[in-house]
Each structure stands twice: as C-alpha cells, then as structure tokens.
C-alpha atoms as a PDB file:
ATOM      1  CA  MET A   1      37.784  74.993  43.660  1.00  0.00           C
ATOM      2  CA  GLU A   2      39.460  72.678  46.120  1.00  0.00           C
ATOM      3  CA  ASN A   3      42.840  74.366  45.560  1.00  0.00           C
ATOM      4  CA  LEU A   4      41.262  77.762  46.023  1.00  0.00           C
ATOM      5  CA  SER A   5      39.553  76.769  49.267  1.00  0.00           C
ATOM      6  CA  PHE A   6      42.839  75.235  50.507  1.00  0.00           C
ATOM      7  CA  GLN A   7      44.710  78.465  49.796  1.00  0.00           C
ATOM      8  CA  VAL A   8      42.021  80.539  51.524  1.00  0.00           C
ATOM      9  CA  SER A   9      42.089  78.318  54.614  1.00  0.00           C
ATOM     10  CA  GLY A  10      45.901  78.313  54.625  1.00  0.00           C
ATOM     11  CA  SER A  11      45.959  82.093  54.440  1.00  0.00           C
ATOM     12  CA  ALA A  12      43.455  82.311  57.286  1.00  0.00           C
ATOM     13  CA  ASP A  13      45.570  79.956  59.450  1.00  0.00           C
ATOM     14  CA  LEU A  14      48.670  82.032  58.698  1.00  0.00           C
ATOM     15  CA  ASP A  15      46.918  85.256  59.695  1.00  0.00           C
ATOM     16  CA  LYS A  16      45.653  83.594  62.847  1.00  0.00           C
ATOM     17  CA  LYS A  17      49.158  82.401  63.691  1.00  0.00           C
ATOM     18  CA  GLU A  18      50.610  85.870  63.131  1.00  0.00           C
ATOM     19  CA  ARG A  19      47.947  87.420  65.352  1.00  0.00           C
ATOM     20  CA  MET A  20      48.723  84.887  68.066  1.00  0.00           C
ATOM     21  CA  GLU A  21      52.431  85.662  67.828  1.00  0.00           C
ATOM     22  CA  ASP A  22      51.736  89.388  68.006  1.00  0.00           C
ATOM     23  CA  GLY A  23      49.589  88.785  71.049  1.00  0.00           C
ATOM     24  CA  VAL A  24      52.310  86.765  72.742  1.00  0.00           C
ATOM     25  CA  LYS A  25      54.885  89.525  72.017  1.00  0.00           C
ATOM     26  CA  LYS A  26      52.603  92.202  73.422  1.00  0.00           C
ATOM     27  CA  GLN A  27      51.943  90.071  76.496  1.00  0.00           C
ATOM     28  CA  LYS A  28      55.704  89.632  77.046  1.00  0.00           C
ATOM     29  CA  GLN A  29      56.285  93.360  76.665  1.00  0.00           C
ATOM     30  CA  LYS A  30      53.545  94.088  79.188  1.00  0.00           C
ATOM     31  CA  SER A  31      54.974  91.536  81.638  1.00  0.00           C
ATOM     32  CA  MET A  32      58.470  93.005  81.238  1.00  0.00           C
ATOM     33  CA  THR A  33      57.125  96.521  81.821  1.00  0.00           C
ATOM     34  CA  ARG A  34      55.206  95.315  84.840  1.00  0.00           C
ATOM     35  CA  ARG A  35      58.305  93.541  86.186  1.00  0.00           C
ATOM     36  CA  PHE A  36      60.413  96.648  85.631  1.00  0.00           C
ATOM     37  CA  LYS A  37      57.939  98.733  87.590  1.00  0.00           C
ATOM     38  CA  ARG A  38      57.568  96.260  90.420  1.00  0.00           C
ATOM     39  CA  GLU A  39      60.944  94.569  90.798  1.00  0.00           C
ATOM     40  CA  ASP A  40      63.730  96.287  88.867  1.00  0.00           C
ATOM     41  CA  ILE A  41      63.226  99.903  89.967  1.00  0.00           C
ATOM     42  CA  PRO A  42      64.514  99.294  93.530  1.00  0.00           C
ATOM     43  CA  LEU A  43      67.570  97.530  92.095  1.00  0.00           C
ATOM     44  CA  TYR A  44      68.306 100.402  89.727  1.00  0.00           C
ATOM     45  CA  LEU A  45      67.921 102.871  92.581  1.00  0.00           C
ATOM     46  CA  MET A  46      70.399 100.862  94.657  1.00  0.00           C
ATOM     47  CA  ALA A  47      72.893 100.882  91.771  1.00  0.00           C
ATOM     48  CA  LEU A  48      72.389 104.581  90.994  1.00  0.00           C
ATOM     49  CA  PRO A  49      74.882 106.017  93.557  1.00  0.00           C
ATOM     50  CA  GLY A  50      77.621 103.661  92.337  1.00  0.00           C
ATOM     51  CA  VAL A  51      76.923 104.517  88.703  1.00  0.00           C
ATOM     52  CA  VAL A  52      76.991 108.254  89.449  1.00  0.00           C
ATOM     53  CA  ILE A  53      80.307 107.935  91.328  1.00  0.00           C
ATOM     54  CA  LEU A  54      81.742 105.862  88.465  1.00  0.00           C
ATOM     55  CA  ILE A  55      80.743 108.493  85.911  1.00  0.00           C
ATOM     56  CA  LEU A  56      81.987 111.436  87.994  1.00  0.00           C
ATOM     57  CA  PHE A  57      85.329 110.012  89.065  1.00  0.00           C
ATOM     58  CA  SER A  58      86.188 107.521  86.312  1.00  0.00           C
ATOM     59  CA  TYR A  59      84.641 108.590  83.016  1.00  0.00           C
ATOM     60  CA  LEU A  60      84.439 112.390  83.167  1.00  0.00           C
ATOM     61  CA  PRO A  61      88.137 112.767  84.099  1.00  0.00           C
ATOM     62  CA  MET A  62      89.017 110.934  80.877  1.00  0.00           C
ATOM     63  CA  GLY A  63      88.535 114.247  79.103  1.00  0.00           C
ATOM     64  CA  GLY A  64      91.784 115.342  80.717  1.00  0.00           C
ATOM     65  CA  LEU A  65      93.696 112.783  78.652  1.00  0.00           C
ATOM     66  CA  VAL A  66      93.974 115.447  75.982  1.00  0.00           C
ATOM     67  CA  LEU A  67      96.703 116.975  78.178  1.00  0.00           C
ATOM     68  CA  ALA A  68      98.984 114.129  77.112  1.00  0.00           C
ATOM     69  CA  PHE A  69      99.211 115.791  73.704  1.00  0.00           C
ATOM     70  CA  LYS A  70      99.393 119.419  74.869  1.00  0.00           C
ATOM     71  CA  LYS A  71     101.898 121.801  76.391  1.00  0.00           C
ATOM     72  CA  TYR A  72      99.785 122.740  79.355  1.00  0.00           C
ATOM     73  CA  ASN A  73      99.546 126.373  80.385  1.00  0.00           C
ATOM     74  CA  VAL A  74      97.633 127.213  83.554  1.00  0.00           C
ATOM     75  CA  GLN A  75      96.463 130.576  82.245  1.00  0.00           C
ATOM     76  CA  LYS A  76      95.166 129.150  78.963  1.00  0.00           C
ATOM     77  CA  GLY A  77      93.551 126.114  80.546  1.00  0.00           C
ATOM     78  CA  ILE A  78      93.166 122.595  79.210  1.00  0.00           C
ATOM     79  CA  PHE A  79      91.517 123.393  75.915  1.00  0.00           C
ATOM     80  CA  GLY A  80      93.379 126.635  75.303  1.00  0.00           C
ATOM     81  CA  SER A  81      96.846 125.148  75.652  1.00  0.00           C
ATOM     82  CA  PRO A  82      98.666 124.420  72.372  1.00  0.00           C
ATOM     83  CA  PHE A  83      99.148 120.894  71.038  1.00  0.00           C
ATOM     84  CA  ASN A  84     102.670 119.520  71.022  1.00  0.00           C
ATOM     85  CA  GLY A  85     102.052 116.080  69.512  1.00  0.00           C
ATOM     86  CA  PHE A  86     103.948 113.263  71.181  1.00  0.00           C
ATOM     87  CA  ASP A  87     106.584 115.437  72.852  1.00  0.00           C
ATOM     88  CA  ASN A  88     105.289 114.550  76.319  1.00  0.00           C
ATOM     89  CA  PHE A  89     105.902 110.858  75.664  1.00  0.00           C
ATOM     90  CA  LYS A  90     109.573 111.507  74.912  1.00  0.00           C
ATOM     91  CA  PHE A  91     110.043 112.021  78.647  1.00  0.00           C
ATOM     92  CA  LEU A  92     109.711 108.252  79.067  1.00  0.00           C
ATOM     93  CA  PHE A  93     111.548 106.993  76.005  1.00  0.00           C
ATOM     94  CA  ALA A  94     114.195 109.586  75.118  1.00  0.00           C
ATOM     95  CA  THR A  95     116.468 108.588  77.977  1.00  0.00           C
ATOM     96  CA  SER A  96     119.125 105.986  78.662  1.00  0.00           C
ATOM     97  CA  ASP A  97     117.075 104.707  81.625  1.00  0.00           C
ATOM     98  CA  ALA A  98     114.048 103.769  79.489  1.00  0.00           C
ATOM     99  CA  LEU A  99     115.158 100.165  79.020  1.00  0.00           C
ATOM    100  CA  VAL A 100     116.053  99.728  82.694  1.00  0.00           C
ATOM    101  CA  ILE A 101     112.807 101.081  84.113  1.00  0.00           C
ATOM    102  CA  THR A 102     110.709  99.120  81.601  1.00  0.00           C
ATOM    103  CA  ARG A 103     112.626  95.916  82.290  1.00  0.00           C
ATOM    104  CA  ASN A 104     112.336  96.309  86.060  1.00  0.00           C
ATOM    105  CA  THR A 105     108.628  97.137  85.952  1.00  0.00           C
ATOM    106  CA  VAL A 106     107.638  94.247  83.697  1.00  0.00           C
ATOM    107  CA  LEU A 107     109.888  91.564  85.194  1.00  0.00           C
ATOM    108  CA  TYR A 108     108.993  92.374  88.794  1.00  0.00           C
ATOM    109  CA  ASN A 109     105.279  92.309  87.957  1.00  0.00           C
ATOM    110  CA  ILE A 110     105.569  88.975  86.156  1.00  0.00           C
ATOM    111  CA  VAL A 111     107.293  87.438  89.187  1.00  0.00           C
ATOM    112  CA  PHE A 112     104.781  89.038  91.582  1.00  0.00           C
ATOM    113  CA  ILE A 113     101.778  87.784  89.619  1.00  0.00           C
ATOM    114  CA  PHE A 114     102.766  84.152  89.125  1.00  0.00           C
ATOM    115  CA  LEU A 115     104.701  83.562  92.351  1.00  0.00           C
ATOM    116  CA  ASN A 116     102.052  85.171  94.578  1.00  0.00           C
ATOM    117  CA  MET A 117      99.323  83.262  92.777  1.00  0.00           C
ATOM    118  CA  ALA A 118     101.099  79.932  93.258  1.00  0.00           C
ATOM    119  CA  ILE A 119     101.792  80.614  96.951  1.00  0.00           C
ATOM    120  CA  ALA A 120      98.207  81.782  97.512  1.00  0.00           C
ATOM    121  CA  VAL A 121      96.778  78.613  95.941  1.00  0.00           C
ATOM    122  CA  VAL A 122      99.022  76.378  98.073  1.00  0.00           C
ATOM    123  CA  LEU A 123      98.190  78.403 101.176  1.00  0.00           C
ATOM    124  CA  SER A 124      94.444  78.188 100.513  1.00  0.00           C
ATOM    125  CA  LEU A 125      94.723  74.410 100.023  1.00  0.00           C
ATOM    126  CA  MET A 126      96.558  74.095 103.329  1.00  0.00           C
ATOM    127  CA  LEU A 127      93.995  76.209 105.189  1.00  0.00           C
ATOM    128  CA  SER A 128      91.078  74.293 103.690  1.00  0.00           C
ATOM    129  CA  SER A 129      92.601  70.973 104.774  1.00  0.00           C
ATOM    130  CA  LEU A 130      92.780  71.959 108.443  1.00  0.00           C
ATOM    131  CA  GLY A 131      90.284  70.002 110.494  1.00  0.00           C
ATOM    132  CA  SER A 132      89.621  72.715 113.072  1.00  0.00           C
ATOM    133  CA  LYS A 133      87.724  75.737 111.763  1.00  0.00           C
ATOM    134  CA  LYS A 134      88.961  77.815 114.694  1.00  0.00           C
ATOM    135  CA  THR A 135      92.581  77.048 113.816  1.00  0.00           C
ATOM    136  CA  ALA A 136      91.929  77.803 110.150  1.00  0.00           C
ATOM    137  CA  LYS A 137      90.352  81.173 111.030  1.00  0.00           C
ATOM    138  CA  THR A 138      93.301  82.014 113.285  1.00  0.00           C
ATOM    139  CA  PHE A 139      95.870  81.332 110.566  1.00  0.00           C
ATOM    140  CA  GLN A 140      93.691  83.110 108.027  1.00  0.00           C
ATOM    141  CA  THR A 141      93.688  86.238 110.201  1.00  0.00           C
ATOM    142  CA  ILE A 142      97.464  86.051 110.688  1.00  0.00           C
ATOM    143  CA  TYR A 143      98.072  85.794 106.955  1.00  0.00           C
ATOM    144  CA  MET A 144      95.684  88.663 106.224  1.00  0.00           C
ATOM    145  CA  MET A 145      97.151  91.153 108.697  1.00  0.00           C
ATOM    146  CA  PRO A 146     100.134  92.317 106.564  1.00  0.00           C
ATOM    147  CA  TYR A 147      97.755  93.243 103.752  1.00  0.00           C
ATOM    148  CA  PHE A 148      96.293  96.051 105.867  1.00  0.00           C
ATOM    149  CA  LEU A 149      99.678  97.589 106.724  1.00  0.00           C
ATOM    150  CA  SER A 150     100.697 100.706 104.830  1.00  0.00           C
ATOM    151  CA  TRP A 151     103.986 100.728 102.972  1.00  0.00           C
ATOM    152  CA  ALA A 152     105.275 103.313 105.458  1.00  0.00           C
ATOM    153  CA  VAL A 153     104.816 100.790 108.274  1.00  0.00           C
ATOM    154  CA  VAL A 154     106.400  98.052 106.164  1.00  0.00           C
ATOM    155  CA  ALA A 155     109.365 100.357 105.506  1.00  0.00           C
ATOM    156  CA  ILE A 156     109.826 100.838 109.259  1.00  0.00           C
ATOM    157  CA  ILE A 157     109.793  97.062 109.802  1.00  0.00           C
ATOM    158  CA  VAL A 158     112.342  96.520 107.033  1.00  0.00           C
ATOM    159  CA  THR A 159     114.535  99.274 108.484  1.00  0.00           C
ATOM    160  CA  ALA A 160     114.448  97.568 111.866  1.00  0.00           C
ATOM    161  CA  PHE A 161     116.005  94.515 110.223  1.00  0.00           C
ATOM    162  CA  LEU A 162     118.438  96.220 107.835  1.00  0.00           C
ATOM    163  CA  GLU A 163     119.487  99.386 109.678  1.00  0.00           C
ATOM    164  CA  ARG A 164     123.252  99.759 109.616  1.00  0.00           C
ATOM    165  CA  SER A 165     124.052 100.409 113.266  1.00  0.00           C
ATOM    166  CA  ASN A 166     121.211  98.796 115.232  1.00  0.00           C
ATOM    167  CA  GLY A 167     119.559  96.533 112.664  1.00  0.00           C
ATOM    168  CA  PHE A 168     118.640  92.987 113.634  1.00  0.00           C
ATOM    169  CA  VAL A 169     120.507  91.385 110.697  1.00  0.00           C
ATOM    170  CA  ASN A 170     123.795  93.144 111.496  1.00  0.00           C
ATOM    171  CA  TYR A 171     123.359  92.305 115.176  1.00  0.00           C
ATOM    172  CA  VAL A 172     122.980  88.587 114.378  1.00  0.00           C
ATOM    173  CA  LEU A 173     125.987  88.703 112.064  1.00  0.00           C
ATOM    174  CA  GLN A 174     128.105  90.217 114.829  1.00  0.00           C
ATOM    175  CA  LEU A 175     126.992  87.501 117.266  1.00  0.00           C
ATOM    176  CA  LEU A 176     128.092  84.897 114.724  1.00  0.00           C
ATOM    177  CA  GLY A 177     131.481  86.564 114.387  1.00  0.00           C
ATOM    178  CA  GLN A 178     130.777  87.882 110.910  1.00  0.00           C
ATOM    179  CA  GLU A 179     131.294  91.368 109.541  1.00  0.00           C
ATOM    180  CA  GLY A 180     128.839  93.856 111.025  1.00  0.00           C
ATOM    181  CA  GLY A 181     127.782  97.381 110.210  1.00  0.00           C
ATOM    182  CA  ILE A 182     126.835  96.538 106.630  1.00  0.00           C
ATOM    183  CA  ASP A 183     124.810  99.197 104.842  1.00  0.00           C
ATOM    184  CA  TRP A 184     122.208  96.993 103.178  1.00  0.00           C
ATOM    185  CA  TYR A 185     120.705  99.983 101.374  1.00  0.00           C
ATOM    186  CA  GLN A 186     123.881 100.082  99.281  1.00  0.00           C
ATOM    187  CA  ARG A 187     123.858  96.382  98.335  1.00  0.00           C
ATOM    188  CA  THR A 188     121.941  95.882  95.094  1.00  0.00           C
ATOM    189  CA  SER A 189     122.292  92.079  95.102  1.00  0.00           C
ATOM    190  CA  ILE A 190     119.908  91.456  98.027  1.00  0.00           C
ATOM    191  CA  TRP A 191     117.048  93.699  96.924  1.00  0.00           C
ATOM    192  CA  PRO A 192     115.439  91.840  93.992  1.00  0.00           C
ATOM    193  CA  PRO A 193     114.697  88.709  96.082  1.00  0.00           C
ATOM    194  CA  LEU A 194     113.944  90.864  99.130  1.00  0.00           C
ATOM    195  CA  LEU A 195     111.356  92.934  97.261  1.00  0.00           C
ATOM    196  CA  VAL A 196     109.754  89.759  95.922  1.00  0.00           C
ATOM    197  CA  PHE A 197     109.570  88.372  99.463  1.00  0.00           C
ATOM    198  CA  ILE A 198     108.107  91.573 100.920  1.00  0.00           C
ATOM    199  CA  ASN A 199     105.468  91.802  98.192  1.00  0.00           C
ATOM    200  CA  ALA A 200     104.458  88.172  98.740  1.00  0.00           C
ATOM    201  CA  TRP A 201     104.403  88.577 102.529  1.00  0.00           C
ATOM    202  CA  LYS A 202     102.078  91.548 102.237  1.00  0.00           C
ATOM    203  CA  GLY A 203      99.729  90.407  99.477  1.00  0.00           C
ATOM    204  CA  VAL A 204      99.504  86.624  99.467  1.00  0.00           C
ATOM    205  CA  GLY A 205      97.147  86.460 102.447  1.00  0.00           C
ATOM    206  CA  TYR A 206      94.451  88.425 100.668  1.00  0.00           C
ATOM    207  CA  GLN A 207      94.655  86.227  97.561  1.00  0.00           C
ATOM    208  CA  ALA A 208      94.588  83.070  99.674  1.00  0.00           C
ATOM    209  CA  VAL A 209      91.376  84.167 101.401  1.00  0.00           C
ATOM    210  CA  MET A 210      89.807  84.837  97.994  1.00  0.00           C
ATOM    211  CA  TYR A 211      90.684  81.323  96.801  1.00  0.00           C
ATOM    212  CA  LEU A 212      89.593  79.873 100.131  1.00  0.00           C
ATOM    213  CA  ALA A 213      86.137  81.393  99.632  1.00  0.00           C
ATOM    214  CA  VAL A 214      85.836  79.507  96.335  1.00  0.00           C
ATOM    215  CA  ILE A 215      87.042  76.261  97.909  1.00  0.00           C
ATOM    216  CA  SER A 216      84.434  76.526 100.656  1.00  0.00           C
ATOM    217  CA  GLY A 217      81.736  76.560  97.961  1.00  0.00           C
ATOM    218  CA  ILE A 218      82.808  73.241  96.414  1.00  0.00           C
ATOM    219  CA  SER A 219      80.312  70.481  97.121  1.00  0.00           C
ATOM    220  CA  SER A 220      81.503  67.892  99.638  1.00  0.00           C
ATOM    221  CA  ASP A 221      80.071  65.156  97.413  1.00  0.00           C
ATOM    222  CA  TYR A 222      83.137  65.394  95.172  1.00  0.00           C
ATOM    223  CA  TYR A 223      85.496  64.745  98.072  1.00  0.00           C
ATOM    224  CA  GLU A 224      83.370  61.961  99.513  1.00  0.00           C
ATOM    225  CA  ALA A 225      83.309  60.177  96.162  1.00  0.00           C
ATOM    226  CA  ALA A 226      87.068  60.650  95.798  1.00  0.00           C
ATOM    227  CA  MET A 227      87.669  59.248  99.293  1.00  0.00           C
ATOM    228  CA  LEU A 228      85.560  56.188  98.457  1.00  0.00           C
ATOM    229  CA  ASP A 229      87.761  55.676  95.395  1.00  0.00           C
ATOM    230  CA  GLY A 230      90.865  55.835  97.601  1.00  0.00           C
ATOM    231  CA  ALA A 231      92.126  59.255  96.483  1.00  0.00           C
ATOM    232  CA  SER A 232      94.677  60.908  98.747  1.00  0.00           C
ATOM    233  CA  ARG A 233      94.500  64.544  99.848  1.00  0.00           C
ATOM    234  CA  PHE A 234      97.046  65.468  97.207  1.00  0.00           C
ATOM    235  CA  GLN A 235      94.998  63.762  94.493  1.00  0.00           C
ATOM    236  CA  GLN A 236      91.836  65.480  95.729  1.00  0.00           C
ATOM    237  CA  ALA A 237      93.584  68.842  95.474  1.00  0.00           C
ATOM    238  CA  ILE A 238      94.893  68.122  91.965  1.00  0.00           C
ATOM    239  CA  TYR A 239      91.732  66.652  90.461  1.00  0.00           C
ATOM    240  CA  ILE A 240      88.957  68.433  92.389  1.00  0.00           C
ATOM    241  CA  THR A 241      90.029  71.626  94.151  1.00  0.00           C
ATOM    242  CA  ILE A 242      92.393  73.180  91.607  1.00  0.00           C
ATOM    243  CA  PRO A 243      90.031  72.582  88.632  1.00  0.00           C
ATOM    244  CA  HIS A 244      87.312  74.417  90.562  1.00  0.00           C
ATOM    245  CA  LEU A 245      89.737  77.320  91.090  1.00  0.00           C
ATOM    246  CA  ARG A 246      90.547  77.720  87.402  1.00  0.00           C
ATOM    247  CA  PHE A 247      87.921  80.430  86.805  1.00  0.00           C
ATOM    248  CA  ILE A 248      88.992  82.715  89.679  1.00  0.00           C
ATOM    249  CA  ILE A 249      92.665  82.102  88.816  1.00  0.00           C
ATOM    250  CA  ALA A 250      92.035  83.044  85.171  1.00  0.00           C
ATOM    251  CA  VAL A 251      90.119  86.200  86.124  1.00  0.00           C
ATOM    252  CA  SER A 252      92.819  87.213  88.609  1.00  0.00           C
ATOM    253  CA  LEU A 253      95.489  86.667  85.965  1.00  0.00           C
ATOM    254  CA  ILE A 254      93.648  88.712  83.348  1.00  0.00           C
ATOM    255  CA  MET A 255      93.035  91.590  85.756  1.00  0.00           C
ATOM    256  CA  ALA A 256      96.646  91.530  86.968  1.00  0.00           C
ATOM    257  CA  MET A 257      97.877  91.860  83.387  1.00  0.00           C
ATOM    258  CA  GLY A 258      96.212  95.270  83.251  1.00  0.00           C
ATOM    259  CA  GLY A 259      98.779  96.606  85.712  1.00  0.00           C
ATOM    260  CA  ILE A 260     101.871  94.935  84.304  1.00  0.00           C
ATOM    261  CA  PHE A 261     103.322  98.336  83.366  1.00  0.00           C
ATOM    262  CA  ARG A 262     102.438  99.844  86.746  1.00  0.00           C
ATOM    263  CA  GLY A 263     104.725  99.371  89.707  1.00  0.00           C
ATOM    264  CA  ASP A 264     103.874  99.570  93.383  1.00  0.00           C
ATOM    265  CA  PHE A 265     105.249 102.995  94.244  1.00  0.00           C
ATOM    266  CA  GLY A 266     105.248 102.381  97.996  1.00  0.00           C
ATOM    267  CA  LEU A 267     107.264  99.194  97.664  1.00  0.00           C
ATOM    268  CA  PHE A 268     109.920 100.536  95.322  1.00  0.00           C
ATOM    269  CA  TYR A 269     110.220 104.047  96.728  1.00  0.00           C
ATOM    270  CA  THR A 270     109.307 103.980 100.413  1.00  0.00           C
ATOM    271  CA  VAL A 271     110.687 100.584 101.409  1.00  0.00           C
ATOM    272  CA  THR A 272     113.995 101.182  99.604  1.00  0.00           C
ATOM    273  CA  LYS A 273     114.246 104.711 101.065  1.00  0.00           C
ATOM    274  CA  ASP A 274     114.846 106.021  97.538  1.00  0.00           C
ATOM    275  CA  SER A 275     118.467 104.917  97.824  1.00  0.00           C
ATOM    276  CA  GLY A 276     120.450 106.008  94.778  1.00  0.00           C
ATOM    277  CA  PRO A 277     122.795 102.977  94.582  1.00  0.00           C
ATOM    278  CA  LEU A 278     119.713 100.729  94.335  1.00  0.00           C
ATOM    279  CA  TYR A 279     118.278 102.449  91.240  1.00  0.00           C
ATOM    280  CA  PRO A 280     119.526  99.761  88.803  1.00  0.00           C
ATOM    281  CA  VAL A 281     117.282  97.180  90.514  1.00  0.00           C
ATOM    282  CA  THR A 282     114.540  99.353  92.077  1.00  0.00           C
ATOM    283  CA  ASN A 283     113.906 102.093  89.531  1.00  0.00           C
ATOM    284  CA  ILE A 284     110.561 101.484  87.799  1.00  0.00           C
ATOM    285  CA  ILE A 285     108.330 103.616  85.601  1.00  0.00           C
ATOM    286  CA  ASP A 286     106.358 105.079  88.516  1.00  0.00           C
ATOM    287  CA  THR A 287     109.386 106.065  90.599  1.00  0.00           C
ATOM    288  CA  TYR A 288     111.175 107.436  87.540  1.00  0.00           C
ATOM    289  CA  ILE A 289     108.200 109.651  86.683  1.00  0.00           C
ATOM    290  CA  TYR A 290     107.943 110.862  90.277  1.00  0.00           C
ATOM    291  CA  ARG A 291     111.604 111.809  90.492  1.00  0.00           C
ATOM    292  CA  GLY A 292     111.567 113.474  87.102  1.00  0.00           C
ATOM    293  CA  LEU A 293     108.474 115.531  87.829  1.00  0.00           C
ATOM    294  CA  LYS A 294     109.708 116.664  91.244  1.00  0.00           C
ATOM    295  CA  SER A 295     112.254 118.809  89.463  1.00  0.00           C
ATOM    296  CA  GLN A 296     109.992 119.967  86.622  1.00  0.00           C
ATOM    297  CA  VAL A 297     106.280 119.967  87.351  1.00  0.00           C
ATOM    298  CA  ASN A 298     104.763 119.109  83.980  1.00  0.00           C
ATOM    299  CA  ILE A 299     101.156 117.920  83.997  1.00  0.00           C
ATOM    300  CA  GLY A 300     101.356 116.970  80.334  1.00  0.00           C
ATOM    301  CA  MET A 301     104.213 114.537  80.983  1.00  0.00           C
ATOM    302  CA  THR A 302     102.361 113.011  83.924  1.00  0.00           C
ATOM    303  CA  THR A 303      99.227 112.521  81.832  1.00  0.00           C
ATOM    304  CA  ALA A 304     101.247 111.010  78.987  1.00  0.00           C
ATOM    305  CA  ALA A 305     102.891 108.512  81.342  1.00  0.00           C
ATOM    306  CA  GLY A 306      99.562 107.489  82.841  1.00  0.00           C
ATOM    307  CA  LEU A 307      97.984 107.144  79.402  1.00  0.00           C
ATOM    308  CA  PHE A 308     100.871 104.990  78.208  1.00  0.00           C
ATOM    309  CA  GLN A 309     100.596 102.673  81.208  1.00  0.00           C
ATOM    310  CA  SER A 310      96.815 102.368  80.863  1.00  0.00           C
ATOM    311  CA  ALA A 311      96.914 101.764  77.107  1.00  0.00           C
ATOM    312  CA  VAL A 312      99.568  99.052  77.375  1.00  0.00           C
ATOM    313  CA  GLY A 313      97.707  97.494  80.306  1.00  0.00           C
ATOM    314  CA  PHE A 314      94.501  97.418  78.266  1.00  0.00           C
ATOM    315  CA  VAL A 315      96.295  95.651  75.413  1.00  0.00           C
ATOM    316  CA  PHE A 316      97.723  93.071  77.819  1.00  0.00           C
ATOM    317  CA  VAL A 317      94.262  92.449  79.280  1.00  0.00           C
ATOM    318  CA  LEU A 318      92.926  91.720  75.798  1.00  0.00           C
ATOM    319  CA  LEU A 319      95.864  89.425  75.019  1.00  0.00           C
ATOM    320  CA  ALA A 320      95.561  87.567  78.323  1.00  0.00           C
ATOM    321  CA  ASN A 321      91.825  87.121  77.866  1.00  0.00           C
ATOM    322  CA  ARG A 322      92.425  85.872  74.313  1.00  0.00           C
ATOM    323  CA  ILE A 323      94.938  83.290  75.515  1.00  0.00           C
ATOM    324  CA  VAL A 324      92.646  82.138  78.338  1.00  0.00           C
ATOM    325  CA  SER A 325      89.717  81.820  75.914  1.00  0.00           C
ATOM    326  CA  LYS A 326      91.849  79.550  73.729  1.00  0.00           C
ATOM    327  CA  VAL A 327      92.929  77.358  76.642  1.00  0.00           C
ATOM    328  CA  ASP A 328      89.645  77.352  78.602  1.00  0.00           C
ATOM    329  CA  PRO A 329      86.760  79.294  76.984  1.00  0.00           C
ATOM    330  CA  ASP A 330      84.596  79.050  80.118  1.00  0.00           C
ATOM    331  CA  SER A 331      87.193  80.910  82.210  1.00  0.00           C
ATOM    332  CA  ALA A 332      87.561  83.957  79.901  1.00  0.00           C
ATOM    333  CA  MET A 333      86.100  87.270  81.068  1.00  0.00           C
ATOM    334  CA  PHE A 334      84.635  88.228  77.688  1.00  0.00           C
END
C-alpha cells in the first residue's frame, strides 16, 4: 500500500510539474506576442524598405545568371534562348592572356588589401595619439578627401604629373639637367608601384577613420593602468590598441577576400588611359572583359564573367573566414 500511495503521489507531482511547465511556456509565448505587437512592429516597418530594395535589386536579378549558360537572343528572350553549356566561360580562359589577367588581378588585390590595411592601422594609431582633437580632426579630414574623388579626377591629377610635354615630373627632370619629354604612359616599370601608391592614397583614409572609430571606443582604464605600469606609447599600441582592433581587421580582411578576383576598373582603365604598352602590368579581368565586349556585345559572356568572379570571391570568403576562425574564433564572421 505504501508503494502504491508513493507512486500515486509521484505521478500527481509529475503531472503538476508538467502543467506548470506548460503554463510557463504559454506565458512566454503570450509575452513574446505582446512584445512583437508593442515593440518589434515599428522596427520591422523601419527595416521593410531596405529589405524590399535588397530583394528587388539583389535577389531577383539573380535569375539572370542563367544567361551565363545560354546563347542569348534578344528576340527569344532569356528563357527562350538556347543553352550552350560553358561556352561563355571560354571567353575568359581560352586565350593566351588568361594567365596574365588573372595574375595581375589577384596579385594587385593582395598587395592592396594587406598594404592598405597596415598603413590604415598605423595612421589610425598616429591620429589617436594626437593630443589636440582639433588637429586630429583636421588631419582626418585631409586623409579622407581623396576617397571622395572620382577616378576621372584622379586620372586628371596623375596626367598633370606624368604628361609628356607639360607634366610636372618631366619639368623637374629638365630643371635637374636630366632627360625630359619622357612618355610615362609607355614605361611599364613605373606603373605597378605607382598604381599601388595611388590606390593607397585614395583609400587608406577611409579605412583609417573606420579603425579610429574603434579606437575611440576603447576604455581609457586600459591606458591608465598601462601608464602606471610604465608602458610606453608603442607598448600601449601593441598590447592594448591593436588587440582591440583584431575583430574589425578580421572582418575587413574577410570581406576584402570576396573581391580578390575583381579589379578596380577606374584605376586600371581610366588612370592608365587604356595605354596599350601598359597592358602586361595593367590588364586585369575587368578591363579585359570590357575591351573584349566592346567589339562583340555578348550578354552571355558578361554574365559568365561576373558569375565566375562572384563564385570565386564567395569561395575565398569562406576560406578566409575558416582561417580566421582557426586563429581567433571570436573574430570570425560566421
């Protein structure tokens, strides 16, 4: 009898516990519904225009990727045009220039990514160490200004320096008694470092401001404790500032890897004036596609090239994120 009464009481306690848990779940569901009605609806309404734009201009156009595998005919339309397999991709690979344009695109981007990142970090550290906020803001504005210039304006500035007859560089060379009238747009040797310099001059300021925003959010307690321990400014930067920048640096690196097979068309086409003798060092995938499609307008080839660049970029993003997650799991994007 005692065992039976114990089982009955145990069963009753279990049922009571289950009812209590069901009640708690229902109460949570009601509170979540109430919160959604009161708090979340305005947030969803604020996000709605951005979501609609994203769907209309980013996701719906993905249906056009089918053109990469079709021989497009305007009269037949996208879905009526016949499939041609991977013939459109041969435009990129079935040429003697494939290795050159791939090498230039990848190597330039690798240099741009790591060199600009290093310069931007150093620049942000220098700006953050300035005692006067007014001076720091002034330099910050100066460094940011080139970022807002179009590549057409940058090309005009470069021409003012390198123009054959009235360029500043040739003028200085003549004053020094050196050979003048050099056509710099025929000299391939100067353009790789020059393009790296121009890209850094234009883009480093923006990256530095981004890192500077992170530095401004670091608690001053870290620096005060380091100063009490006798740490120099260099030691504070190494052991406090840079470790706090690791997350934004990792995210920037991962995102930059997505465009490693995409070149800056304005830099390599406009700034170089599309000079033929410079093709061995300035011809990248984007400029090669543009020149090729000027003579034969083929939407399928264009789509195939864009799909190839996006697919490879996506793979590199996954690889970069995987490497970052191994080195520092907290800094990985996903």
